[in-house]
N, C-alpha and C. Protein backbone atom coordinates (compact mmCIF):
# COMPACT_ATOMS: atom_id res chain seq x y z
N MET A 1 -13.61 1.12 -12.88
CA MET A 1 -12.17 1.60 -13.44
C MET A 1 -11.08 0.85 -12.06
N ARG A 2 -11.60 1.18 -11.13
CA ARG A 2 -10.62 0.80 -10.04
C ARG A 2 -10.43 -0.85 -10.17
N ARG A 3 -11.21 -1.79 -10.07
CA ARG A 3 -11.15 -2.89 -10.61
C ARG A 3 -10.55 -3.28 -11.57
N THR A 4 -10.42 -2.37 -12.56
CA THR A 4 -9.52 -2.68 -14.03
C THR A 4 -8.57 -2.34 -13.86
N ALA A 5 -8.33 -1.27 -12.88
CA ALA A 5 -6.72 -0.66 -13.12
C ALA A 5 -6.06 -1.77 -11.72
N PHE A 6 -6.77 -2.60 -11.04
CA PHE A 6 -6.41 -3.28 -9.82
C PHE A 6 -6.02 -4.76 -10.46
N LEU A 7 -6.83 -4.95 -11.61
CA LEU A 7 -6.74 -6.15 -12.07
C LEU A 7 -5.22 -6.24 -13.19
N LEU A 8 -5.35 -4.96 -13.57
CA LEU A 8 -3.75 -4.59 -14.78
C LEU A 8 -2.81 -5.02 -13.85
N LEU A 9 -2.73 -4.10 -12.72
CA LEU A 9 -1.62 -4.75 -11.85
C LEU A 9 -1.31 -6.27 -11.57
N ALA A 10 -2.24 -6.39 -11.00
CA ALA A 10 -2.33 -7.87 -10.62
C ALA A 10 -1.65 -8.75 -11.77
N SER A 11 -1.77 -8.18 -13.18
CA SER A 11 -1.87 -9.13 -13.73
C SER A 11 -0.28 -9.23 -14.54
N LEU A 12 0.42 -7.53 -14.25
CA LEU A 12 1.52 -7.56 -14.57
C LEU A 12 2.20 -8.08 -13.61
N LEU A 13 1.96 -7.99 -12.17
CA LEU A 13 2.85 -8.56 -11.01
C LEU A 13 3.17 -10.27 -11.43
N LEU A 14 1.94 -10.59 -12.06
CA LEU A 14 1.77 -12.17 -12.04
C LEU A 14 3.10 -12.64 -13.19
N LEU A 15 3.21 -11.71 -14.08
CA LEU A 15 3.88 -11.95 -15.20
C LEU A 15 5.33 -11.40 -15.09
N SER A 16 5.97 -10.80 -13.92
CA SER A 16 6.87 -10.31 -13.83
C SER A 16 7.37 -11.13 -12.29
N PRO A 17 8.71 -11.95 -12.52
CA PRO A 17 9.04 -12.66 -11.87
C PRO A 17 10.06 -11.62 -10.69
N THR A 18 10.35 -10.74 -10.78
CA THR A 18 11.04 -9.73 -9.45
C THR A 18 9.96 -8.62 -9.93
N PRO A 19 10.32 -7.64 -8.74
CA PRO A 19 8.98 -6.52 -9.14
C PRO A 19 10.16 -5.48 -9.78
N PRO A 20 9.36 -4.50 -10.46
CA PRO A 20 10.13 -3.83 -11.63
C PRO A 20 11.03 -2.50 -10.34
N ARG A 21 12.11 -2.43 -10.82
CA ARG A 21 12.96 -1.42 -10.26
C ARG A 21 13.61 -0.53 -11.67
N ALA A 22 13.36 0.46 -11.62
CA ALA A 22 13.88 0.93 -12.93
C ALA A 22 15.31 2.34 -12.20
N GLN A 23 16.41 2.07 -12.26
CA GLN A 23 17.47 2.82 -12.34
C GLN A 23 17.25 4.41 -12.88
N GLY A 24 17.00 5.50 -11.95
CA GLY A 24 16.67 6.89 -12.22
C GLY A 24 15.47 6.95 -12.09
N GLY A 25 14.84 5.79 -11.89
CA GLY A 25 12.92 6.20 -11.67
C GLY A 25 12.88 6.66 -10.38
N PRO A 26 11.48 6.94 -9.69
CA PRO A 26 11.42 7.16 -8.17
C PRO A 26 12.09 6.55 -7.45
N PRO A 27 11.97 7.43 -6.49
CA PRO A 27 12.27 6.98 -5.29
C PRO A 27 11.78 5.60 -4.65
N HIS A 28 10.31 5.21 -5.08
CA HIS A 28 9.99 4.59 -4.53
C HIS A 28 9.27 3.00 -5.35
N ALA A 29 10.48 3.26 -6.18
CA ALA A 29 10.04 2.08 -7.09
C ALA A 29 10.29 0.89 -6.81
N TRP A 30 11.37 0.98 -5.57
CA TRP A 30 11.30 -0.44 -5.07
C TRP A 30 10.23 -0.98 -4.26
N LEU A 31 9.34 -0.26 -4.15
CA LEU A 31 7.97 -0.48 -3.48
C LEU A 31 7.04 -1.32 -4.04
N PHE A 32 6.91 -0.77 -5.82
CA PHE A 32 5.97 -0.91 -6.48
C PHE A 32 5.58 -2.42 -6.45
N GLY A 33 4.53 -2.77 -6.35
CA GLY A 33 3.92 -4.16 -6.27
C GLY A 33 2.84 -4.36 -4.76
N ALA A 34 2.08 -5.23 -4.80
CA ALA A 34 1.29 -5.76 -3.51
C ALA A 34 1.93 -6.34 -2.66
N TRP A 35 1.86 -5.80 -1.58
CA TRP A 35 2.34 -6.11 0.00
C TRP A 35 0.87 -6.71 0.76
N THR A 36 1.05 -7.91 1.68
CA THR A 36 0.14 -8.32 2.64
C THR A 36 0.76 -8.74 3.54
N GLY A 37 -0.56 -8.44 4.88
CA GLY A 37 0.08 -8.13 6.04
C GLY A 37 -0.26 -6.97 6.80
N GLY A 38 0.24 -6.34 7.73
CA GLY A 38 0.62 -5.23 8.26
C GLY A 38 -0.80 -5.02 9.36
N LEU A 39 -1.78 -5.04 8.77
CA LEU A 39 -3.21 -4.95 9.76
C LEU A 39 -3.28 -6.22 10.79
N PHE A 40 -2.39 -7.55 10.24
CA PHE A 40 -2.06 -8.68 11.03
C PHE A 40 -1.27 -9.62 10.73
N PRO A 41 -0.40 -10.38 11.28
CA PRO A 41 0.90 -10.94 10.57
C PRO A 41 0.47 -11.61 9.63
N ALA A 42 1.28 -11.36 9.09
CA ALA A 42 1.52 -12.37 6.87
C ALA A 42 1.99 -13.24 7.40
N PRO A 43 1.27 -14.44 6.64
CA PRO A 43 1.07 -15.89 6.67
C PRO A 43 2.94 -16.51 6.46
N SER A 44 3.38 -17.25 7.03
CA SER A 44 4.73 -17.83 6.33
C SER A 44 5.05 -18.43 5.36
N SER A 45 3.70 -18.99 4.64
CA SER A 45 3.62 -19.55 3.24
C SER A 45 2.27 -18.92 2.80
N LEU A 46 2.41 -18.34 1.50
CA LEU A 46 1.62 -17.78 0.75
C LEU A 46 1.79 -18.01 -0.95
N THR A 47 1.10 -18.52 -1.45
CA THR A 47 0.63 -18.17 -2.88
C THR A 47 0.64 -17.06 -3.44
N ALA A 48 1.41 -17.09 -4.84
CA ALA A 48 0.74 -15.31 -5.30
C ALA A 48 -0.37 -15.53 -5.70
N GLN A 49 -1.42 -16.41 -5.68
CA GLN A 49 -2.42 -16.18 -5.89
C GLN A 49 -3.31 -15.69 -4.70
N GLU A 50 -3.09 -16.28 -3.62
CA GLU A 50 -3.44 -16.15 -2.56
C GLU A 50 -3.24 -14.98 -2.32
N CYS A 51 -2.05 -14.08 -2.33
CA CYS A 51 -1.77 -13.17 -1.66
C CYS A 51 -2.20 -12.24 -2.68
N LEU A 52 -2.19 -12.21 -4.06
CA LEU A 52 -2.84 -11.18 -5.00
C LEU A 52 -4.47 -11.15 -4.69
N ALA A 53 -5.08 -12.16 -4.25
CA ALA A 53 -6.84 -11.76 -4.09
C ALA A 53 -7.32 -11.22 -3.63
N GLN A 54 -5.79 -10.77 -2.33
CA GLN A 54 -6.56 -9.57 -1.33
C GLN A 54 -5.40 -8.83 -0.55
N PRO A 55 -4.55 -7.89 -1.40
CA PRO A 55 -3.38 -7.50 -0.52
C PRO A 55 -3.79 -6.39 0.21
N THR A 56 -3.21 -5.88 1.09
CA THR A 56 -3.23 -5.47 2.27
C THR A 56 -2.77 -3.85 1.45
N VAL A 57 -1.82 -3.67 0.95
CA VAL A 57 -1.26 -2.28 0.33
C VAL A 57 -0.82 -2.61 -1.08
N ILE A 58 -1.02 -1.65 -2.17
CA ILE A 58 -0.38 -1.85 -2.96
C ILE A 58 0.08 -0.41 -3.45
N PHE A 59 1.25 -0.32 -4.29
CA PHE A 59 2.06 0.30 -4.31
C PHE A 59 2.22 0.81 -5.60
N THR A 60 2.26 1.82 -6.17
CA THR A 60 2.42 2.02 -7.78
C THR A 60 3.02 3.34 -7.40
N ARG A 61 3.18 4.09 -9.06
CA ARG A 61 4.38 5.58 -9.18
C ARG A 61 3.16 6.30 -8.51
N ASP A 62 2.02 6.23 -8.74
CA ASP A 62 1.42 8.26 -8.38
C ASP A 62 0.15 7.94 -7.00
N ILE A 63 0.15 6.75 -6.96
CA ILE A 63 -1.43 6.13 -6.12
C ILE A 63 -0.32 5.10 -5.19
N VAL A 64 -1.19 5.31 -3.70
CA VAL A 64 -0.95 4.07 -2.63
C VAL A 64 -2.24 3.62 -1.98
N MET A 65 -2.66 2.35 -2.78
CA MET A 65 -4.04 2.14 -2.00
C MET A 65 -3.66 0.90 -0.76
N ARG A 66 -4.48 1.34 -0.11
CA ARG A 66 -4.48 0.21 1.16
C ARG A 66 -6.05 -0.19 1.49
N ALA A 67 -6.14 -1.61 1.94
CA ALA A 67 -7.49 -2.19 2.55
C ALA A 67 -7.74 -1.81 4.15
N THR A 68 -8.84 -1.56 4.14
CA THR A 68 -9.47 -1.18 5.96
C THR A 68 -10.21 -2.31 6.19
N LEU A 69 -10.13 -2.24 7.38
CA LEU A 69 -11.63 -3.32 7.93
C LEU A 69 -12.47 -2.72 7.56
N THR A 70 -13.06 -1.52 7.47
CA THR A 70 -14.72 -1.19 7.52
C THR A 70 -14.97 -0.76 5.93
N GLN A 71 -13.75 -0.72 5.27
CA GLN A 71 -14.40 -0.13 3.57
C GLN A 71 -14.44 -1.74 2.89
N ALA A 72 -15.13 -1.32 1.69
CA ALA A 72 -15.40 -2.41 0.98
C ALA A 72 -14.17 -2.46 -0.11
N THR A 73 -13.92 -1.20 -0.10
CA THR A 73 -12.80 -0.83 -1.59
C THR A 73 -11.62 -0.51 -1.12
N TYR A 74 -10.49 -0.09 -2.05
CA TYR A 74 -9.26 0.40 -1.52
C TYR A 74 -9.40 1.69 -0.84
N ALA A 75 -8.71 2.13 -0.38
CA ALA A 75 -8.64 3.64 0.15
C ALA A 75 -7.22 4.31 -0.81
N GLU A 76 -7.46 5.12 -1.61
CA GLU A 76 -6.57 5.48 -2.71
C GLU A 76 -6.15 6.99 -2.63
N ARG A 77 -4.42 6.95 -2.18
CA ARG A 77 -4.00 7.94 -1.53
C ARG A 77 -2.62 8.40 -2.59
N LEU A 78 -3.23 9.69 -3.15
CA LEU A 78 -2.36 10.15 -4.50
C LEU A 78 -1.11 11.03 -3.47
N VAL A 79 -0.07 9.93 -4.60
CA VAL A 79 1.20 10.79 -3.89
C VAL A 79 1.80 11.99 -4.16
N GLU A 80 2.15 13.10 -3.24
CA GLU A 80 2.47 14.05 -3.59
C GLU A 80 3.97 14.39 -3.79
N THR A 81 4.88 13.66 -2.79
CA THR A 81 6.02 13.21 -2.73
C THR A 81 6.56 12.40 -2.48
N ALA A 82 7.50 11.39 -3.07
CA ALA A 82 8.54 10.28 -2.55
C ALA A 82 9.57 10.60 -2.36
N ARG A 83 10.36 10.08 -0.60
CA ARG A 83 11.74 10.75 -1.00
C ARG A 83 12.51 9.71 -0.26
N THR A 84 13.58 9.44 -0.69
CA THR A 84 14.59 8.50 0.17
C THR A 84 15.19 8.96 1.33
N THR A 85 15.18 7.81 2.31
CA THR A 85 15.53 8.03 3.73
C THR A 85 16.37 7.50 4.33
N ALA A 86 17.02 7.19 5.20
CA ALA A 86 18.53 6.41 5.59
C ALA A 86 17.62 5.16 5.33
N ALA A 87 16.26 4.54 6.02
CA ALA A 87 15.84 3.40 6.45
C ALA A 87 14.46 3.02 5.01
N GLY A 88 14.68 4.04 4.10
CA GLY A 88 13.46 3.44 3.27
C GLY A 88 12.95 4.79 2.62
N THR A 89 11.60 5.25 2.41
CA THR A 89 11.13 6.10 1.84
C THR A 89 10.22 6.73 2.76
N GLU A 90 10.01 8.19 2.61
CA GLU A 90 8.89 8.76 3.29
C GLU A 90 7.73 9.18 2.06
N PHE A 91 6.58 9.18 2.56
CA PHE A 91 5.54 9.63 1.18
C PHE A 91 4.98 10.89 2.02
N ARG A 92 4.39 11.84 0.77
CA ARG A 92 3.33 13.17 1.56
C ARG A 92 2.53 12.70 0.33
N PHE A 93 0.81 12.44 0.90
CA PHE A 93 0.26 12.23 0.15
C PHE A 93 -0.72 13.97 -0.31
N GLN A 94 -1.14 13.76 -1.35
CA GLN A 94 -2.32 15.11 -1.65
C GLN A 94 -3.12 15.23 -0.52
N SER A 95 -3.87 16.40 -0.53
CA SER A 95 -5.17 16.23 0.36
C SER A 95 -5.99 15.53 0.02
N PRO A 96 -6.99 14.84 0.23
CA PRO A 96 -8.16 13.95 0.16
C PRO A 96 -8.99 15.16 -0.61
N LEU A 97 -9.62 14.74 -2.35
CA LEU A 97 -10.56 15.79 -2.60
C LEU A 97 -12.03 15.18 -2.15
N VAL A 98 -12.04 14.11 -1.51
CA VAL A 98 -13.53 13.84 -0.89
C VAL A 98 -13.28 13.76 0.69
N PRO A 99 -14.11 14.70 1.48
CA PRO A 99 -14.16 14.82 2.61
C PRO A 99 -14.31 13.88 3.96
N ALA A 100 -13.64 13.40 4.62
CA ALA A 100 -13.88 12.51 5.58
C ALA A 100 -15.34 12.01 5.82
N GLY A 101 -15.84 10.77 5.67
CA GLY A 101 -17.17 10.65 6.21
C GLY A 101 -17.84 10.62 5.15
N THR A 102 -17.32 10.57 4.18
CA THR A 102 -18.31 10.78 3.05
C THR A 102 -18.40 9.30 1.72
N GLY A 103 -16.89 8.46 2.32
CA GLY A 103 -16.59 7.61 1.36
C GLY A 103 -17.64 6.45 1.28
N ASN A 104 -17.23 5.45 0.20
CA ASN A 104 -17.93 4.11 0.41
C ASN A 104 -17.63 3.30 1.54
N ASP A 105 -17.88 3.78 2.71
CA ASP A 105 -17.46 2.80 4.05
C ASP A 105 -18.51 2.12 4.65
N LEU A 106 -18.41 1.08 5.33
CA LEU A 106 -19.32 -0.07 5.78
C LEU A 106 -19.44 0.47 7.23
N MET A 107 -20.95 0.65 7.38
CA MET A 107 -21.16 1.00 9.12
C MET A 107 -20.73 2.63 9.21
N GLY A 108 -20.19 3.08 8.29
CA GLY A 108 -19.84 4.41 8.46
C GLY A 108 -19.06 4.76 9.46
N LEU A 109 -17.77 3.95 9.63
CA LEU A 109 -16.95 3.60 11.01
C LEU A 109 -15.79 4.78 10.08
N SER A 110 -15.65 4.46 9.21
CA SER A 110 -14.05 5.16 8.36
C SER A 110 -14.23 6.62 7.60
N GLY A 111 -13.55 7.42 7.57
CA GLY A 111 -13.73 8.65 6.51
C GLY A 111 -13.11 7.85 5.19
N GLY A 112 -14.04 8.47 4.50
CA GLY A 112 -13.86 7.82 2.50
C GLY A 112 -12.12 8.30 2.11
N GLY A 113 -12.19 10.10 1.94
CA GLY A 113 -10.85 9.97 1.50
C GLY A 113 -10.09 10.48 2.34
N GLY A 114 -10.10 10.71 3.54
CA GLY A 114 -9.00 11.00 4.42
C GLY A 114 -8.57 9.66 5.18
N VAL A 115 -8.76 8.74 4.64
CA VAL A 115 -8.04 7.76 5.34
C VAL A 115 -6.32 7.62 5.21
N GLY A 116 -5.54 7.65 6.10
CA GLY A 116 -4.55 7.48 6.37
C GLY A 116 -4.01 5.77 6.86
N PHE A 117 -2.84 5.87 7.34
CA PHE A 117 -2.04 4.86 7.81
C PHE A 117 -1.98 4.46 9.55
N GLY A 118 -2.61 5.64 9.83
CA GLY A 118 -2.43 5.58 11.97
C GLY A 118 -0.89 6.10 12.07
N CYS A 119 -0.85 6.73 10.97
CA CYS A 119 0.53 7.53 11.36
C CYS A 119 0.19 9.00 12.18
N GLU A 120 1.22 10.09 12.58
CA GLU A 120 1.32 11.15 12.95
C GLU A 120 0.27 11.96 12.15
N SER A 121 0.44 11.78 10.92
CA SER A 121 -1.00 12.52 10.05
C SER A 121 -1.40 11.63 8.84
N PRO A 122 -2.78 11.90 8.45
CA PRO A 122 -3.02 10.78 7.55
C PRO A 122 -2.39 11.05 6.26
N ASP A 123 -1.67 12.27 6.25
CA ASP A 123 -0.81 12.74 4.58
C ASP A 123 0.15 12.34 4.46
N LEU A 124 0.61 11.67 5.80
CA LEU A 124 2.41 11.00 5.97
C LEU A 124 2.22 9.82 5.97
N LEU A 125 3.44 8.79 5.73
CA LEU A 125 3.35 7.46 5.75
C LEU A 125 5.05 6.89 5.52
N HIS A 126 5.70 6.95 6.62
CA HIS A 126 7.26 6.34 6.78
C HIS A 126 7.18 4.98 6.28
N VAL A 127 7.95 4.38 5.30
CA VAL A 127 8.39 2.97 5.09
C VAL A 127 9.49 2.81 5.41
N GLN A 128 9.78 1.59 6.17
CA GLN A 128 11.30 1.22 6.35
C GLN A 128 11.36 -0.34 5.83
N ARG A 129 12.43 -0.44 5.41
CA ARG A 129 12.70 -1.36 4.73
C ARG A 129 13.56 -2.16 5.22
N HIS A 130 12.96 -3.72 5.80
CA HIS A 130 13.63 -4.80 6.30
C HIS A 130 14.09 -6.40 5.65
N GLY A 131 14.31 -5.74 4.65
CA GLY A 131 14.75 -6.93 3.93
C GLY A 131 14.14 -6.87 2.55
N GLU A 132 14.63 -7.81 1.32
CA GLU A 132 14.38 -7.61 0.09
C GLU A 132 12.45 -7.43 0.21
N ASN A 133 12.08 -8.41 1.09
CA ASN A 133 10.71 -8.62 0.77
C ASN A 133 9.87 -8.32 2.22
N GLU A 134 10.10 -7.57 2.88
CA GLU A 134 9.75 -6.89 4.01
C GLU A 134 9.58 -5.24 4.54
N ILE A 135 8.41 -5.35 4.84
CA ILE A 135 8.49 -3.43 4.81
C ILE A 135 7.81 -3.67 6.41
N VAL A 136 7.94 -2.34 6.70
CA VAL A 136 7.13 -1.99 8.12
C VAL A 136 6.90 -0.42 7.98
N PHE A 137 6.07 -0.03 8.47
CA PHE A 137 5.15 1.33 8.86
C PHE A 137 5.46 1.94 10.31
N PRO A 138 6.90 2.38 10.73
CA PRO A 138 6.89 2.74 11.87
C PRO A 138 6.29 3.86 12.48
N GLY A 139 5.38 3.57 13.81
CA GLY A 139 5.07 4.45 14.10
C GLY A 139 3.23 4.80 13.43
N CYS A 140 3.10 3.63 13.00
CA CYS A 140 1.92 3.91 12.39
C CYS A 140 0.86 2.92 13.02
N SER A 141 -0.26 3.07 13.76
CA SER A 141 -0.68 2.19 14.58
C SER A 141 -1.68 1.12 14.15
N GLU A 142 -2.09 1.65 13.23
CA GLU A 142 -2.83 0.81 12.17
C GLU A 142 -2.34 -0.56 11.25
N PHE A 143 -1.03 -0.48 11.37
CA PHE A 143 -0.57 -1.40 10.91
C PHE A 143 0.89 -1.64 11.68
N PRO A 144 0.31 -2.50 12.65
CA PRO A 144 1.50 -2.55 13.80
C PRO A 144 2.25 -3.86 13.66
N TYR A 145 1.89 -4.56 12.47
CA TYR A 145 2.87 -5.93 11.92
C TYR A 145 3.60 -5.62 10.77
N PRO A 146 4.72 -6.07 10.48
CA PRO A 146 5.79 -6.23 8.87
C PRO A 146 4.23 -6.33 7.81
N LEU A 147 4.87 -5.96 6.69
CA LEU A 147 3.80 -6.51 5.30
C LEU A 147 5.28 -7.09 4.40
N VAL A 148 4.36 -8.08 3.99
CA VAL A 148 5.43 -9.07 2.83
C VAL A 148 5.46 -9.00 1.60
N ARG A 149 6.20 -8.63 0.68
CA ARG A 149 5.39 -8.68 -0.79
C ARG A 149 5.19 -9.86 -1.28
N CYS A 150 3.70 -9.65 -1.77
CA CYS A 150 3.38 -10.60 -2.60
C CYS A 150 4.11 -11.28 -3.77
N PRO A 151 4.55 -12.60 -3.71
CA PRO A 151 5.43 -13.51 -4.67
C PRO A 151 4.81 -12.94 -6.25
N GLY A 152 5.90 -13.40 -6.76
CA GLY A 152 5.34 -12.96 -8.78
C GLY A 152 4.55 -14.19 -8.99
N ARG A 153 4.98 -15.18 -8.66
CA ARG A 153 4.32 -16.52 -9.21
C ARG A 153 4.21 -17.62 -8.43
């Protein structure tokens, strides 16, 4: 199911020359799509195919997915609230249904459902806009580098 949702999202991103933006839509609509970097510096030149093959973070209307170094699949966090701030967007996530430590992780190093972003709380994420196609997660130790949007084509 997750793979199907990811493939559908990737297909939509490839068909769309620019990320979806809806007036009157959710406050985080400007983030919709796939982003790379964050865990590591983003490459200076990256094709859409290379980027979409393994994005670091994917934003949708209701879910934020993130890659980790110790899990084979993306950790999914359900958005409880998203609000606009002066610098970007602040997310509050629903408490995970899967207790930490019971996820499908490699070597038993990270919690399954309780994966956060290294911020002050695993259920909180601040996203700061640094241009049309670059964002940062200020104060989030697991994402020390900026993220860049995966190109549409």
